[in-house]
PDB file of N, CA and C in Angstrom:
ATOM      1  N   MET A   1      81.580  77.066 155.239  1.00  0.00           N
ATOM      2  CA  MET A   1      82.522  78.155 155.136  1.00  0.00           C
ATOM      3  C   MET A   1      81.780  79.344 154.534  1.00  0.00           C
ATOM      4  N   SER A   2      81.916  80.479 155.142  1.00  0.00           N
ATOM      5  CA  SER A   2      81.225  81.669 154.655  1.00  0.00           C
ATOM      6  C   SER A   2      81.979  82.288 153.476  1.00  0.00           C
ATOM      7  N   LYS A   3      81.297  83.156 152.769  1.00  0.00           N
ATOM      8  CA  LYS A   3      81.895  83.858 151.630  1.00  0.00           C
ATOM      9  C   LYS A   3      83.122  84.649 152.078  1.00  0.00           C
ATOM     10  N   GLU A   4      82.997  85.353 153.193  1.00  0.00           N
ATOM     11  CA  GLU A   4      84.100  86.150 153.717  1.00  0.00           C
ATOM     12  C   GLU A   4      85.298  85.270 154.081  1.00  0.00           C
ATOM     13  N   CYS A   5      85.045  84.130 154.676  1.00  0.00           N
ATOM     14  CA  CYS A   5      86.113  83.216 155.063  1.00  0.00           C
ATOM     15  C   CYS A   5      86.851  82.710 153.826  1.00  0.00           C
ATOM     16  N   LEU A   6      86.129  82.326 152.795  1.00  0.00           N
ATOM     17  CA  LEU A   6      86.747  81.837 151.567  1.00  0.00           C
ATOM     18  C   LEU A   6      87.581  82.934 150.909  1.00  0.00           C
ATOM     19  N   GLU A   7      87.122  84.169 150.964  1.00  0.00           N
ATOM     20  CA  GLU A   7      87.888  85.284 150.408  1.00  0.00           C
ATOM     21  C   GLU A   7      89.196  85.473 151.172  1.00  0.00           C
ATOM     22  N   LYS A   8      89.168  85.332 152.484  1.00  0.00           N
ATOM     23  CA  LYS A   8      90.383  85.468 153.290  1.00  0.00           C
ATOM     24  C   LYS A   8      91.339  84.303 153.066  1.00  0.00           C
ATOM     25  N   VAL A   9      90.791  83.119 152.890  1.00  0.00           N
ATOM     26  CA  VAL A   9      91.620  81.956 152.552  1.00  0.00           C
ATOM     27  C   VAL A   9      92.315  82.198 151.220  1.00  0.00           C
ATOM     28  N   THR A  10      91.602  82.747 150.251  1.00  0.00           N
ATOM     29  CA  THR A  10      92.173  83.054 148.943  1.00  0.00           C
ATOM     30  C   THR A  10      93.330  84.039 149.068  1.00  0.00           C
ATOM     31  N   GLN A  11      93.163  85.059 149.869  1.00  0.00           N
ATOM     32  CA  GLN A  11      94.235  86.035 150.078  1.00  0.00           C
ATOM     33  C   GLN A  11      95.466  85.373 150.701  1.00  0.00           C
ATOM     34  N   THR A  12      95.244  84.515 151.668  1.00  0.00           N
ATOM     35  CA  THR A  12      96.351  83.820 152.322  1.00  0.00           C
ATOM     36  C   THR A  12      97.075  82.904 151.343  1.00  0.00           C
ATOM     37  N   ILE A  13      96.325  82.161 150.552  1.00  0.00           N
ATOM     38  CA  ILE A  13      96.919  81.255 149.571  1.00  0.00           C
ATOM     39  C   ILE A  13      97.750  82.034 148.561  1.00  0.00           C
ATOM     40  N   SER A  14      97.221  83.130 148.060  1.00  0.00           N
ATOM     41  CA  SER A  14      97.961  83.903 147.061  1.00  0.00           C
ATOM     42  C   SER A  14      99.238  84.499 147.656  1.00  0.00           C
ATOM     43  N   PHE A  15      99.245  84.766 148.932  1.00  0.00           N
ATOM     44  CA  PHE A  15     100.429  85.286 149.608  1.00  0.00           C
ATOM     45  C   PHE A  15     101.483  84.192 149.797  1.00  0.00           C
ATOM     46  N   LEU A  16     101.057  82.983 150.147  1.00  0.00           N
ATOM     47  CA  LEU A  16     101.981  81.910 150.497  1.00  0.00           C
ATOM     48  C   LEU A  16     102.419  81.028 149.324  1.00  0.00           C
ATOM     49  N   ALA A  17     101.581  80.851 148.329  1.00  0.00           N
ATOM     50  CA  ALA A  17     101.834  79.867 147.270  1.00  0.00           C
ATOM     51  C   ALA A  17     102.657  80.446 146.125  1.00  0.00           C
ATOM     52  N   GLN A  18     103.479  79.592 145.553  1.00  0.00           N
ATOM     53  CA  GLN A  18     104.184  79.910 144.312  1.00  0.00           C
ATOM     54  C   GLN A  18     103.354  79.305 143.183  1.00  0.00           C
ATOM     55  N   PRO A  19     102.816  80.109 142.277  1.00  0.00           N
ATOM     56  CA  PRO A  19     101.849  79.627 141.279  1.00  0.00           C
ATOM     57  C   PRO A  19     102.280  78.398 140.483  1.00  0.00           C
ATOM     58  N   GLN A  20     103.499  78.346 139.997  1.00  0.00           N
ATOM     59  CA  GLN A  20     103.919  77.214 139.166  1.00  0.00           C
ATOM     60  C   GLN A  20     104.290  75.982 139.995  1.00  0.00           C
ATOM     61  N   GLU A  21     104.507  76.146 141.271  1.00  0.00           N
ATOM     62  CA  GLU A  21     105.005  75.050 142.093  1.00  0.00           C
ATOM     63  C   GLU A  21     104.001  74.556 143.125  1.00  0.00           C
ATOM     64  N   SER A  22     102.785  75.031 143.088  1.00  0.00           N
ATOM     65  CA  SER A  22     101.824  74.708 144.145  1.00  0.00           C
ATOM     66  C   SER A  22     100.647  73.906 143.616  1.00  0.00           C
ATOM     67  N   HIS A  23     100.153  73.045 144.478  1.00  0.00           N
ATOM     68  CA  HIS A  23      98.923  72.304 144.228  1.00  0.00           C
ATOM     69  C   HIS A  23      97.991  72.620 145.386  1.00  0.00           C
ATOM     70  N   LEU A  24      96.726  72.745 145.079  1.00  0.00           N
ATOM     71  CA  LEU A  24      95.768  73.139 146.109  1.00  0.00           C
ATOM     72  C   LEU A  24      94.593  72.178 146.120  1.00  0.00           C
ATOM     73  N   LEU A  25      94.252  71.732 147.294  1.00  0.00           N
ATOM     74  CA  LEU A  25      93.078  70.891 147.510  1.00  0.00           C
ATOM     75  C   LEU A  25      92.195  71.628 148.503  1.00  0.00           C
ATOM     76  N   LEU A  26      91.025  72.025 148.069  1.00  0.00           N
ATOM     77  CA  LEU A  26      90.087  72.748 148.924  1.00  0.00           C
ATOM     78  C   LEU A  26      88.888  71.856 149.191  1.00  0.00           C
ATOM     79  N   LEU A  27      88.643  71.592 150.446  1.00  0.00           N
ATOM     80  CA  LEU A  27      87.500  70.776 150.838  1.00  0.00           C
ATOM     81  C   LEU A  27      86.403  71.700 151.330  1.00  0.00           C
ATOM     82  N   THR A  28      85.346  71.773 150.567  1.00  0.00           N
ATOM     83  CA  THR A  28      84.216  72.623 150.914  1.00  0.00           C
ATOM     84  C   THR A  28      82.951  72.009 150.332  1.00  0.00           C
ATOM     85  N   GLY A  29      81.841  72.583 150.623  1.00  0.00           N
ATOM     86  CA  GLY A  29      80.575  72.042 150.151  1.00  0.00           C
ATOM     87  C   GLY A  29      80.146  72.606 148.807  1.00  0.00           C
ATOM     88  N   GLU A  30      79.031  72.115 148.340  1.00  0.00           N
ATOM     89  CA  GLU A  30      78.468  72.548 147.058  1.00  0.00           C
ATOM     90  C   GLU A  30      78.161  74.041 147.034  1.00  0.00           C
ATOM     91  N   VAL A  31      77.832  74.597 148.177  1.00  0.00           N
ATOM     92  CA  VAL A  31      77.444  76.002 148.252  1.00  0.00           C
ATOM     93  C   VAL A  31      78.577  76.914 147.776  1.00  0.00           C
ATOM     94  N   GLN A  32      79.816  76.551 148.086  1.00  0.00           N
ATOM     95  CA  GLN A  32      80.967  77.387 147.739  1.00  0.00           C
ATOM     96  C   GLN A  32      81.636  76.980 146.428  1.00  0.00           C
ATOM     97  N   ARG A  33      81.073  76.028 145.720  1.00  0.00           N
ATOM     98  CA  ARG A  33      81.686  75.520 144.493  1.00  0.00           C
ATOM     99  C   ARG A  33      81.962  76.623 143.475  1.00  0.00           C
ATOM    100  N   ASP A  34      80.968  77.410 143.146  1.00  0.00           N
ATOM    101  CA  ASP A  34      81.127  78.458 142.150  1.00  0.00           C
ATOM    102  C   ASP A  34      82.073  79.553 142.635  1.00  0.00           C
ATOM    103  N   ARG A  35      81.990  79.869 143.905  1.00  0.00           N
ATOM    104  CA  ARG A  35      82.852  80.911 144.472  1.00  0.00           C
ATOM    105  C   ARG A  35      84.322  80.471 144.458  1.00  0.00           C
ATOM    106  N   ALA A  36      84.583  79.205 144.765  1.00  0.00           N
ATOM    107  CA  ALA A  36      85.953  78.681 144.726  1.00  0.00           C
ATOM    108  C   ALA A  36      86.494  78.701 143.301  1.00  0.00           C
ATOM    109  N   ALA A  37      85.658  78.381 142.346  1.00  0.00           N
ATOM    110  CA  ALA A  37      86.076  78.431 140.945  1.00  0.00           C
ATOM    111  C   ALA A  37      86.402  79.864 140.534  1.00  0.00           C
ATOM    112  N   GLU A  38      85.594  80.794 140.968  1.00  0.00           N
ATOM    113  CA  GLU A  38      85.792  82.203 140.633  1.00  0.00           C
ATOM    114  C   GLU A  38      87.061  82.762 141.278  1.00  0.00           C
ATOM    115  N   LEU A  39      87.242  82.520 142.553  1.00  0.00           N
ATOM    116  CA  LEU A  39      88.358  83.108 143.296  1.00  0.00           C
ATOM    117  C   LEU A  39      89.689  82.408 143.050  1.00  0.00           C
ATOM    118  N   LEU A  40      89.661  81.088 142.965  1.00  0.00           N
ATOM    119  CA  LEU A  40      90.899  80.317 142.927  1.00  0.00           C
ATOM    120  C   LEU A  40      91.120  79.554 141.627  1.00  0.00           C
ATOM    121  N   GLY A  41      90.132  79.570 140.747  1.00  0.00           N
ATOM    122  CA  GLY A  41      90.269  78.822 139.500  1.00  0.00           C
ATOM    123  C   GLY A  41      90.208  77.317 139.711  1.00  0.00           C
ATOM    124  N   LEU A  42      89.514  76.882 140.753  1.00  0.00           N
ATOM    125  CA  LEU A  42      89.412  75.461 141.067  1.00  0.00           C
ATOM    126  C   LEU A  42      88.209  74.830 140.376  1.00  0.00           C
ATOM    127  N   ARG A  43      88.280  73.532 140.226  1.00  0.00           N
ATOM    128  CA  ARG A  43      87.149  72.791 139.668  1.00  0.00           C
ATOM    129  C   ARG A  43      86.874  71.596 140.575  1.00  0.00           C
ATOM    130  N   ALA A  44      85.654  71.167 140.581  1.00  0.00           N
ATOM    131  CA  ALA A  44      85.251  70.044 141.434  1.00  0.00           C
ATOM    132  C   ALA A  44      85.742  68.728 140.837  1.00  0.00           C
ATOM    133  N   CYS A  45      86.070  67.788 141.715  1.00  0.00           N
ATOM    134  CA  CYS A  45      86.422  66.448 141.256  1.00  0.00           C
ATOM    135  C   CYS A  45      85.163  65.585 141.288  1.00  0.00           C
ATOM    136  N   ASN A  46      85.262  64.398 140.775  1.00  0.00           N
ATOM    137  CA  ASN A  46      84.111  63.492 140.709  1.00  0.00           C
ATOM    138  C   ASN A  46      84.009  62.576 141.914  1.00  0.00           C
ATOM    139  N   PHE A  47      84.877  62.717 142.894  1.00  0.00           N
ATOM    140  CA  PHE A  47      84.868  61.856 144.072  1.00  0.00           C
ATOM    141  C   PHE A  47      83.602  62.064 144.896  1.00  0.00           C
ATOM    142  N   ARG A  48      82.959  61.005 145.256  1.00  0.00           N
ATOM    143  CA  ARG A  48      81.800  61.028 146.149  1.00  0.00           C
ATOM    144  C   ARG A  48      82.014  59.953 147.202  1.00  0.00           C
ATOM    145  N   PRO A  49      81.996  60.321 148.475  1.00  0.00           N
ATOM    146  CA  PRO A  49      82.240  59.326 149.543  1.00  0.00           C
ATOM    147  C   PRO A  49      81.114  58.323 149.643  1.00  0.00           C
TER     148      PRO A  49
END
């Protein structure tokens, strides 16, 4: 997923989601980990397939 794509996903999520009532699961690679944390306040889980 490119940086631009993740930014657009963030805009869509903020438009559609109700902050107190929403849960978000973002599946992406290590490359976007820091960007997802910055844009969406997400953190990585410890799951490894």
